[in-house]
Amino acid sequence: MSKIIYLQCPTGISGDMCLGALVSLGVPIEYLTTKLNALGIENEYRLRMELVHRNGQEATKLHVDLIEHHHHDDDTHKKHKHHQEHHHRRHLPEIEAMILGAKLPGRAEKWSLAVFRQLAVAEGAVHGIAPEKVHFHEVGAVDAIVDIVGTCLCLDWLDISSNEQDLPLLYCSPLPTGGGTVRAAHGLMAVPVPAVLKLWEMRGCPVYSNGIDKELVTPTGAAIATTLVQQFISPPAMTIKQIGLGAGNLNLTIPNILQAWLGLTSDSNQSNQTKTSPYIEKISVLETQIDDLNPQAIGFLYDALFEVGALDVFTQAIGMKKSRPAILLTVICNLDKCDRIQEVLFRETTTLGIRTSIQERTTLKREMQTIQTEFGSVKVKIAWQGEDMNKTITNIQPEYEDCAELARKQNIPWREVHRIALQTWHQKHNQ
């Protein structure tokens, strides 16, 4: 049995609603405060829980009260004003450093970093700048840091099961679009705001209108959902154990409450819920065009990129301005390797800018087996669909380097080694 959570969001999702719903499932405020204070923000906020009513229904409201310090002399006041503005101008590298320095539980740290990276990529795409250059404004403020990191801490404390990519078994209803306008750091904006729209686009998120013209999904809430949620679906097959209720700020025509259904599901149900897209993971895709680099550097660049964690690297021939022949260099990596990949690209190439996006990829389960052939040992990569007791092997590929090494040693064609390796594997497994 796996422990899962389903988020029912009739009035949308925000960071504080999500945190409130999870806290109402039993996460101690004292635990949250202790872990969050390790971020180095203990002098900037106080976390406070309140039971409130929304259209007659009781729900948990989490307040992040910012601590105000009153000073009388001008110099101190200026310093305090700068300190307050600093809350609203944190960049991604600073937030990542805070999270890494806090020594959070492993899964909570990984999930928090992923949510902020997703949000930075979306904000960067909206404003046409690199994710690391984004001024987070509201989402970089203390309350948003508390909401995002706090939510990840709650999911870890509740011991929600994880999938193969170590993401929580978190599911969510389709999200309402809302409407009207809202005042943000960049002025008056239409709802949904651009960052939310970009996050929905990046994830391919299902949405609908419930007729309420208010901001129902905030950037923080959208980032949490589009990063951590497995699927946006109707309630999955599960045995409900507890319901958490998180209240929003507004009083609406229907109860402004996010429901967190905590329950158990069998492994077979979990497999059925994800069989249409069974192994989905988020990856970073980095691209840059280069027209003034010695081609001899490309081979060295490939090795350097793979050394720091690139999953794949490839180039395409393109034409650029002034009719210059050039290459489009693309690197695929896990989200936590993005910064190191960028460092290598800037160090080893002549590029002046790198585009970064987060995409989803659906992968097969795979493993490496070693077989003994008449020429020597060869590693074989096996890929399959389904569970171990009912899996269908879809791809069998001997490793190129092993085949090439044996071909050189034995002075025989590479194709012959490859053929014998496949034949040996099939004979061993009676396929």
Protein backbone atom coordinates (compact mmCIF):
# COMPACT_ATOMS: atom_id res chain seq x y z
CA MET A 1 0.00 0.00 0.00
CA SER A 2 1.17 3.52 -0.80
CA LYS A 3 0.29 6.70 1.09
CA ILE A 4 -0.98 9.44 -1.24
CA ILE A 5 -2.61 12.86 -1.12
CA TYR A 6 -5.24 14.21 -3.48
CA LEU A 7 -5.74 17.99 -3.63
CA GLN A 8 -9.31 19.01 -4.39
CA CYS A 9 -9.14 22.67 -5.47
CA PRO A 10 -12.64 24.06 -6.22
CA THR A 11 -11.40 27.61 -5.51
CA GLY A 12 -7.83 27.16 -6.68
CA ILE A 13 -4.56 26.86 -4.83
CA SER A 14 -2.11 29.18 -3.11
CA GLY A 15 0.93 28.47 -1.00
CA ASP A 16 -0.76 29.28 2.30
CA MET A 17 -3.87 27.24 1.42
CA CYS A 18 -1.72 24.22 0.60
CA LEU A 19 0.34 24.62 3.78
CA GLY A 20 -2.79 25.09 5.89
CA ALA A 21 -4.40 21.94 4.48
CA LEU A 22 -1.30 19.84 5.21
CA VAL A 23 -0.83 21.27 8.71
CA SER A 24 -4.46 20.38 9.49
CA LEU A 25 -3.49 16.76 8.76
CA GLY A 26 -1.39 16.82 11.91
CA VAL A 27 2.02 18.34 11.10
CA PRO A 28 3.18 20.09 14.31
CA ILE A 29 3.71 23.84 14.01
CA GLU A 30 6.72 23.48 16.33
CA TYR A 31 8.36 21.07 13.91
CA LEU A 32 7.74 23.40 10.97
CA THR A 33 9.05 26.43 12.83
CA THR A 34 12.24 24.65 13.89
CA LYS A 35 13.01 23.48 10.37
CA LEU A 36 12.07 26.78 8.73
CA ASN A 37 14.18 28.78 11.15
CA ALA A 38 17.21 26.87 9.86
CA LEU A 39 16.79 28.89 6.65
CA GLY A 40 18.11 31.92 8.52
CA ILE A 41 14.81 33.83 8.55
CA GLU A 42 13.85 33.36 12.20
CA ASN A 43 14.08 37.10 12.88
CA GLU A 44 11.87 38.00 9.93
CA TYR A 45 8.56 36.22 10.59
CA ARG A 46 6.30 34.35 13.00
CA LEU A 47 4.19 31.39 11.94
CA ARG A 48 0.67 31.38 13.35
CA MET A 49 -2.22 28.93 12.89
CA GLU A 50 -5.87 29.97 13.15
CA LEU A 51 -9.14 28.14 12.69
CA VAL A 52 -11.45 30.24 10.49
CA HIS A 53 -14.81 29.82 8.80
CA ARG A 54 -15.49 30.03 5.08
CA ASN A 55 -19.21 29.96 4.25
CA GLY A 56 -19.88 28.18 7.53
CA GLN A 57 -17.13 25.57 7.14
CA GLU A 58 -14.14 25.50 9.49
CA ALA A 59 -10.67 25.30 8.00
CA THR A 60 -7.05 25.96 8.96
CA LYS A 61 -5.48 29.29 8.07
CA LEU A 62 -1.69 29.67 8.28
CA HIS A 63 -0.45 33.22 8.82
CA VAL A 64 3.13 34.31 8.18
CA ASP A 65 3.43 37.50 10.21
CA LEU A 66 6.41 39.62 9.19
CA ILE A 67 8.29 41.17 12.09
CA GLU A 68 8.45 44.95 11.89
CA HIS A 69 11.20 46.83 13.74
CA HIS A 70 10.52 50.51 14.47
CA HIS A 71 13.52 52.87 14.59
CA HIS A 72 13.72 56.62 15.15
CA ASP A 73 17.00 57.73 13.59
CA ASP A 74 17.18 58.18 9.82
CA ASP A 75 20.24 56.00 9.22
CA THR A 76 18.77 53.02 11.03
CA HIS A 77 15.44 53.55 9.31
CA LYS A 78 17.15 53.48 5.92
CA LYS A 79 18.91 50.24 6.84
CA HIS A 80 15.60 48.74 7.96
CA LYS A 81 13.91 49.86 4.76
CA HIS A 82 16.68 48.22 2.74
CA HIS A 83 16.24 45.08 4.86
CA GLN A 84 12.51 45.03 4.13
CA GLU A 85 13.09 45.49 0.40
CA HIS A 86 15.58 42.64 0.53
CA HIS A 87 12.70 40.29 1.40
CA HIS A 88 11.12 41.12 -1.94
CA ARG A 89 14.26 40.95 -4.07
CA ARG A 90 15.80 37.59 -3.38
CA HIS A 91 17.20 35.83 -6.44
CA LEU A 92 17.15 32.11 -7.14
CA PRO A 93 20.82 31.46 -6.18
CA GLU A 94 20.28 33.10 -2.78
CA ILE A 95 17.13 31.09 -2.09
CA GLU A 96 18.84 27.88 -3.20
CA ALA A 97 21.76 28.63 -0.88
CA MET A 98 19.33 29.18 2.00
CA ILE A 99 17.65 25.83 1.37
CA LEU A 100 20.91 23.92 0.97
CA GLY A 101 22.35 25.53 4.10
CA ALA A 102 19.33 24.64 6.22
CA LYS A 103 20.10 20.89 6.20
CA LEU A 104 16.46 19.98 5.64
CA PRO A 105 15.31 16.37 5.28
CA GLY A 106 16.56 15.09 1.94
CA ARG A 107 13.23 14.88 0.15
CA ALA A 108 12.03 18.24 1.46
CA GLU A 109 15.25 19.88 0.27
CA LYS A 110 15.01 18.32 -3.19
CA TRP A 111 11.33 19.23 -3.62
CA SER A 112 11.85 22.81 -2.41
CA LEU A 113 14.72 23.37 -4.84
CA ALA A 114 12.64 21.93 -7.69
CA VAL A 115 9.65 24.20 -6.95
CA PHE A 116 11.77 27.35 -6.85
CA ARG A 117 13.63 26.34 -10.02
CA GLN A 118 10.31 25.78 -11.80
CA LEU A 119 9.07 29.17 -10.66
CA ALA A 120 12.30 30.91 -11.68
CA VAL A 121 12.17 29.40 -15.16
CA ALA A 122 8.55 30.54 -15.60
CA GLU A 123 9.23 34.06 -14.32
CA GLY A 124 12.36 34.28 -16.47
CA ALA A 125 10.43 33.22 -19.56
CA VAL A 126 7.77 35.86 -18.88
CA HIS A 127 10.30 38.67 -18.46
CA GLY A 128 12.84 37.45 -21.03
CA ILE A 129 15.72 36.94 -18.59
CA ALA A 130 17.70 34.03 -17.19
CA PRO A 131 16.13 32.22 -14.19
CA GLU A 132 19.07 33.25 -11.98
CA LYS A 133 18.41 36.93 -12.73
CA VAL A 134 14.75 36.91 -11.73
CA HIS A 135 13.76 39.28 -8.93
CA PHE A 136 11.24 37.12 -7.15
CA HIS A 137 9.27 40.02 -5.60
CA GLU A 138 6.25 38.47 -3.82
CA VAL A 139 7.39 34.89 -4.30
CA GLY A 140 10.83 35.71 -2.91
CA ALA A 141 9.30 37.25 0.21
CA VAL A 142 9.50 35.43 3.50
CA ASP A 143 5.88 34.26 3.44
CA ALA A 144 6.33 32.55 0.07
CA ILE A 145 9.56 30.87 1.15
CA VAL A 146 7.72 29.59 4.20
CA ASP A 147 4.79 28.38 2.07
CA ILE A 148 6.94 26.47 -0.43
CA VAL A 149 9.52 24.99 1.93
CA GLY A 150 6.83 24.41 4.58
CA THR A 151 4.67 22.47 2.11
CA CYS A 152 7.62 20.24 1.17
CA LEU A 153 8.44 19.68 4.85
CA CYS A 154 4.82 18.68 5.51
CA LEU A 155 4.76 16.17 2.66
CA ASP A 156 7.95 14.63 4.00
CA TRP A 157 6.71 14.61 7.64
CA LEU A 158 3.45 12.96 6.57
CA ASP A 159 5.62 10.32 4.88
CA ILE A 160 3.81 10.52 1.56
CA SER A 161 5.13 7.76 -0.68
CA SER A 162 7.39 8.63 -3.61
CA ASN A 163 7.59 7.44 -7.20
CA GLU A 164 10.74 6.29 -8.99
CA GLN A 165 11.81 9.92 -9.56
CA ASP A 166 11.46 10.51 -5.79
CA LEU A 167 8.50 12.88 -6.25
CA PRO A 168 5.60 12.60 -3.79
CA LEU A 169 2.49 10.64 -4.72
CA LEU A 170 0.51 13.86 -4.93
CA TYR A 171 -2.50 14.23 -7.23
CA CYS A 172 -4.65 17.25 -7.94
CA SER A 173 -7.95 18.24 -9.52
CA PRO A 174 -7.92 20.47 -12.63
CA LEU A 175 -7.49 24.11 -11.63
CA PRO A 176 -9.97 27.01 -12.00
CA THR A 177 -8.67 29.94 -14.03
CA GLY A 178 -10.24 32.78 -12.04
CA GLY A 179 -10.56 36.18 -13.65
CA GLY A 180 -10.55 39.92 -13.16
CA THR A 181 -7.40 41.80 -12.19
CA VAL A 182 -4.90 41.82 -9.34
CA ARG A 183 -2.24 44.31 -8.26
CA ALA A 184 1.25 42.80 -8.24
CA ALA A 185 4.86 44.01 -8.14
CA HIS A 186 4.68 44.95 -11.82
CA GLY A 187 1.38 46.83 -11.49
CA LEU A 188 -2.19 45.88 -12.32
CA MET A 189 -2.39 42.51 -14.09
CA ALA A 190 -5.09 40.38 -15.63
CA VAL A 191 -5.89 37.08 -13.95
CA PRO A 192 -4.43 34.49 -14.47
CA VAL A 193 -1.17 36.43 -14.09
CA PRO A 194 1.61 35.73 -16.65
CA ALA A 195 3.72 33.54 -14.35
CA VAL A 196 0.76 31.27 -13.61
CA LEU A 197 -0.07 30.98 -17.31
CA LYS A 198 3.54 30.09 -18.10
CA LEU A 199 3.60 27.42 -15.38
CA TRP A 200 0.38 25.93 -16.75
CA GLU A 201 1.84 25.96 -20.25
CA MET A 202 5.08 24.32 -19.14
CA ARG A 203 3.20 21.50 -17.43
CA GLY A 204 0.27 21.20 -19.84
CA CYS A 205 -2.08 21.77 -16.91
CA PRO A 206 -5.85 21.15 -17.34
CA VAL A 207 -7.89 24.22 -16.35
CA TYR A 208 -11.50 25.42 -16.43
CA SER A 209 -13.59 28.44 -15.44
CA ASN A 210 -15.80 28.22 -12.35
CA GLY A 211 -17.24 31.70 -12.97
CA ILE A 212 -15.41 33.38 -10.07
CA ASP A 213 -13.52 36.49 -11.25
CA LYS A 214 -10.83 36.55 -8.57
CA GLU A 215 -7.20 35.41 -8.40
CA LEU A 216 -7.72 31.76 -7.52
CA VAL A 217 -4.30 30.34 -8.39
CA THR A 218 -1.23 32.25 -7.25
CA PRO A 219 2.27 31.82 -8.70
CA THR A 220 3.39 30.08 -5.51
CA GLY A 221 0.46 27.68 -5.59
CA ALA A 222 0.90 27.03 -9.31
CA ALA A 223 4.62 26.33 -8.83
CA ILE A 224 3.95 23.81 -6.06
CA ALA A 225 1.28 22.03 -8.09
CA THR A 226 3.02 21.96 -11.47
CA THR A 227 6.28 20.76 -9.91
CA LEU A 228 5.16 18.14 -7.41
CA VAL A 229 1.80 16.83 -8.64
CA GLN A 230 1.91 13.48 -10.45
CA GLN A 231 -1.28 14.01 -12.44
CA PHE A 232 -4.19 16.47 -12.63
CA ILE A 233 -7.09 14.03 -12.56
CA SER A 234 -10.39 13.15 -10.90
CA PRO A 235 -10.00 11.51 -7.48
CA PRO A 236 -7.93 8.33 -7.81
CA ALA A 237 -8.88 4.98 -6.30
CA MET A 238 -7.91 5.27 -2.63
CA THR A 239 -9.03 4.54 0.91
CA ILE A 240 -9.43 7.90 2.65
CA LYS A 241 -7.89 8.13 6.11
CA GLN A 242 -8.05 11.86 6.85
CA ILE A 243 -9.12 15.15 5.28
CA GLY A 244 -7.12 18.36 5.67
CA LEU A 245 -8.73 21.74 5.01
CA GLY A 246 -6.75 24.87 4.15
CA ALA A 247 -8.52 28.24 4.04
CA GLY A 248 -7.87 30.99 1.50
CA ASN A 249 -7.93 34.70 2.25
CA LEU A 250 -11.08 35.63 0.32
CA ASN A 251 -14.71 35.00 1.10
CA LEU A 252 -16.24 33.69 -2.14
CA THR A 253 -19.61 32.46 -3.28
CA ILE A 254 -18.50 28.91 -2.44
CA PRO A 255 -16.26 27.89 0.50
CA ASN A 256 -12.72 29.08 -0.27
CA ILE A 257 -11.09 25.91 1.01
CA LEU A 258 -8.47 23.58 -0.44
CA GLN A 259 -9.05 19.95 0.56
CA ALA A 260 -6.15 17.53 1.06
CA TRP A 261 -7.40 13.93 0.99
CA LEU A 262 -4.87 11.68 2.71
CA GLY A 263 -5.32 8.03 1.93
CA LEU A 264 -3.92 4.68 0.94
CA THR A 265 -3.89 3.08 -2.48
CA SER A 266 -2.75 -0.36 -3.54
CA ASP A 267 0.26 -0.67 -5.81
CA SER A 268 -2.01 -2.03 -8.56
CA ASN A 269 -4.21 1.06 -8.33
CA GLN A 270 -1.12 3.25 -8.42
CA SER A 271 0.03 1.46 -11.58
CA ASN A 272 -3.38 1.91 -13.21
CA GLN A 273 -3.47 5.61 -12.36
CA THR A 274 -0.22 6.20 -14.19
CA LYS A 275 -0.34 3.63 -16.97
CA THR A 276 -0.99 6.19 -19.71
CA SER A 277 2.15 8.11 -18.74
CA PRO A 278 3.85 5.71 -16.31
CA TYR A 279 7.27 7.18 -15.70
CA ILE A 280 7.17 10.95 -15.99
CA GLU A 281 10.04 13.08 -14.80
CA LYS A 282 10.95 16.74 -15.13
CA ILE A 283 14.14 17.67 -16.92
CA SER A 284 15.95 20.90 -17.79
CA VAL A 285 16.60 21.62 -21.47
CA LEU A 286 19.37 24.14 -22.16
CA GLU A 287 19.95 25.57 -25.64
CA THR A 288 22.41 28.00 -27.17
CA GLN A 289 23.44 28.96 -30.72
CA ILE A 290 27.16 29.22 -31.47
CA ASP A 291 28.78 30.55 -34.65
CA ASP A 292 32.32 31.43 -33.56
CA LEU A 293 33.70 28.34 -31.80
CA ASN A 294 36.48 26.10 -33.09
CA PRO A 295 34.77 22.79 -33.97
CA GLN A 296 37.58 20.91 -32.22
CA ALA A 297 36.24 22.22 -28.90
CA ILE A 298 32.92 20.42 -29.31
CA GLY A 299 34.29 16.95 -28.55
CA PHE A 300 35.94 18.21 -25.36
CA LEU A 301 32.72 20.03 -24.45
CA TYR A 302 30.68 16.81 -24.75
CA ASP A 303 32.96 15.04 -22.26
CA ALA A 304 32.91 17.98 -19.85
CA LEU A 305 29.09 18.15 -19.92
CA PHE A 306 28.64 14.44 -19.29
CA GLU A 307 31.12 14.63 -16.39
CA VAL A 308 28.88 17.12 -14.54
CA GLY A 309 25.67 15.15 -15.09
CA ALA A 310 24.27 15.83 -18.56
CA LEU A 311 21.78 13.17 -19.62
CA ASP A 312 22.19 13.94 -23.32
CA VAL A 313 24.01 16.44 -25.53
CA PHE A 314 23.47 17.04 -29.23
CA THR A 315 24.07 19.63 -31.94
CA GLN A 316 22.21 20.67 -35.07
CA ALA A 317 23.50 22.64 -38.02
CA ILE A 318 21.75 26.00 -38.38
CA GLY A 319 22.15 29.29 -40.22
CA MET A 320 22.41 32.53 -38.22
CA LYS A 321 22.50 36.23 -38.92
CA LYS A 322 24.79 37.48 -41.70
CA SER A 323 24.38 34.00 -43.27
CA ARG A 324 26.83 32.46 -40.83
CA PRO A 325 26.80 28.64 -40.52
CA ALA A 326 26.45 27.69 -36.87
CA ILE A 327 25.31 24.99 -34.48
CA LEU A 328 22.40 24.76 -32.07
CA LEU A 329 23.73 23.05 -28.95
CA THR A 330 21.16 21.33 -26.73
CA VAL A 331 21.81 19.78 -23.32
CA ILE A 332 19.32 17.71 -21.31
CA CYS A 333 19.88 17.25 -17.58
CA ASN A 334 18.12 16.75 -14.26
CA LEU A 335 16.88 19.93 -12.60
CA ASP A 336 19.56 19.92 -9.89
CA LYS A 337 22.37 19.77 -12.49
CA CYS A 338 21.26 22.88 -14.40
CA ASP A 339 23.64 25.33 -12.72
CA ARG A 340 26.71 23.14 -13.25
CA ILE A 341 25.79 22.61 -16.90
CA GLN A 342 25.55 26.37 -17.40
CA GLU A 343 28.97 26.86 -15.79
CA VAL A 344 30.53 24.43 -18.27
CA LEU A 345 28.80 26.03 -21.25
CA PHE A 346 29.97 29.52 -20.33
CA ARG A 347 33.49 28.27 -19.56
CA GLU A 348 34.05 26.05 -22.60
CA THR A 349 32.15 27.88 -25.36
CA THR A 350 31.84 31.40 -26.74
CA THR A 351 28.13 31.67 -25.99
CA LEU A 352 26.80 34.86 -24.42
CA GLY A 353 23.43 33.44 -23.35
CA ILE A 354 21.66 30.16 -22.61
CA ARG A 355 17.93 29.46 -22.82
CA THR A 356 16.56 27.14 -20.14
CA SER A 357 13.19 25.42 -19.95
CA ILE A 358 11.67 22.66 -17.87
CA GLN A 359 10.00 19.85 -19.78
CA GLU A 360 8.51 16.48 -18.96
CA ARG A 361 9.72 13.25 -20.43
CA THR A 362 8.13 9.83 -20.21
CA THR A 363 10.68 7.07 -19.73
CA LEU A 364 10.72 3.30 -19.65
CA LYS A 365 12.05 1.35 -16.72
CA ARG A 366 15.54 0.11 -17.47
CA GLU A 367 18.42 -1.89 -16.10
CA MET A 368 21.88 -2.98 -17.21
CA GLN A 369 22.74 -6.69 -17.50
CA THR A 370 26.11 -8.25 -18.34
CA ILE A 371 26.29 -11.29 -20.59
CA GLN A 372 29.19 -13.50 -21.65
CA THR A 373 29.61 -13.94 -25.40
CA GLU A 374 32.17 -15.95 -27.34
CA PHE A 375 34.15 -12.71 -27.77
CA GLY A 376 33.94 -11.52 -24.13
CA SER A 377 31.55 -9.78 -21.74
CA VAL A 378 29.08 -7.16 -23.00
CA LYS A 379 26.73 -4.98 -21.00
CA VAL A 380 23.16 -4.92 -22.35
CA LYS A 381 20.57 -2.24 -21.56
CA ILE A 382 17.05 -3.63 -21.04
CA ALA A 383 13.96 -1.39 -21.10
CA TRP A 384 10.41 -2.44 -20.24
CA GLN A 385 6.87 -1.36 -19.43
CA GLY A 386 4.62 -2.64 -16.65
CA GLU A 387 5.39 -4.12 -13.25
CA ASP A 388 7.94 -6.83 -12.51
CA MET A 389 5.34 -9.60 -12.47
CA ASN A 390 3.72 -8.45 -15.69
CA LYS A 391 6.34 -6.49 -17.59
CA THR A 392 6.77 -6.24 -21.34
CA ILE A 393 10.34 -5.83 -22.59
CA THR A 394 10.35 -3.23 -25.36
CA ASN A 395 14.04 -2.59 -26.07
CA ILE A 396 17.30 -4.54 -25.81
CA GLN A 397 20.52 -2.81 -26.75
CA PRO A 398 24.13 -3.97 -26.25
CA GLU A 399 26.38 -1.11 -25.15
CA TYR A 400 28.28 0.47 -28.01
CA GLU A 401 31.59 0.88 -26.15
CA ASP A 402 31.70 -2.77 -25.05
CA CYS A 403 31.03 -3.96 -28.58
CA ALA A 404 33.60 -1.55 -30.02
CA GLU A 405 36.30 -2.66 -27.56
CA LEU A 406 35.76 -6.34 -28.37
CA ALA A 407 35.68 -5.62 -32.12
CA ARG A 408 39.06 -3.91 -31.91
CA LYS A 409 40.59 -6.63 -29.74
CA GLN A 410 39.28 -9.49 -31.87
CA ASN A 411 39.75 -7.66 -35.20
CA ILE A 412 36.18 -8.41 -36.24
CA PRO A 413 33.31 -6.15 -37.42
CA TRP A 414 31.47 -4.21 -34.75
CA ARG A 415 28.16 -5.35 -36.26
CA GLU A 416 29.14 -8.99 -35.67
CA VAL A 417 29.85 -8.40 -31.98
CA HIS A 418 26.56 -6.53 -31.66
CA ARG A 419 24.66 -9.37 -33.38
CA ILE A 420 26.21 -12.06 -31.21
CA ALA A 421 25.51 -10.07 -28.05
CA LEU A 422 21.81 -9.79 -28.95
CA GLN A 423 21.63 -13.46 -29.92
CA THR A 424 23.31 -14.53 -26.66
CA TRP A 425 20.90 -12.47 -24.57
CA HIS A 426 17.85 -13.92 -26.34
CA GLN A 427 19.14 -17.48 -25.97
CA LYS A 428 19.80 -16.95 -22.26
CA HIS A 429 16.26 -15.64 -21.70
CA ASN A 430 14.54 -17.99 -24.18
CA GLN A 431 13.14 -15.10 -26.20
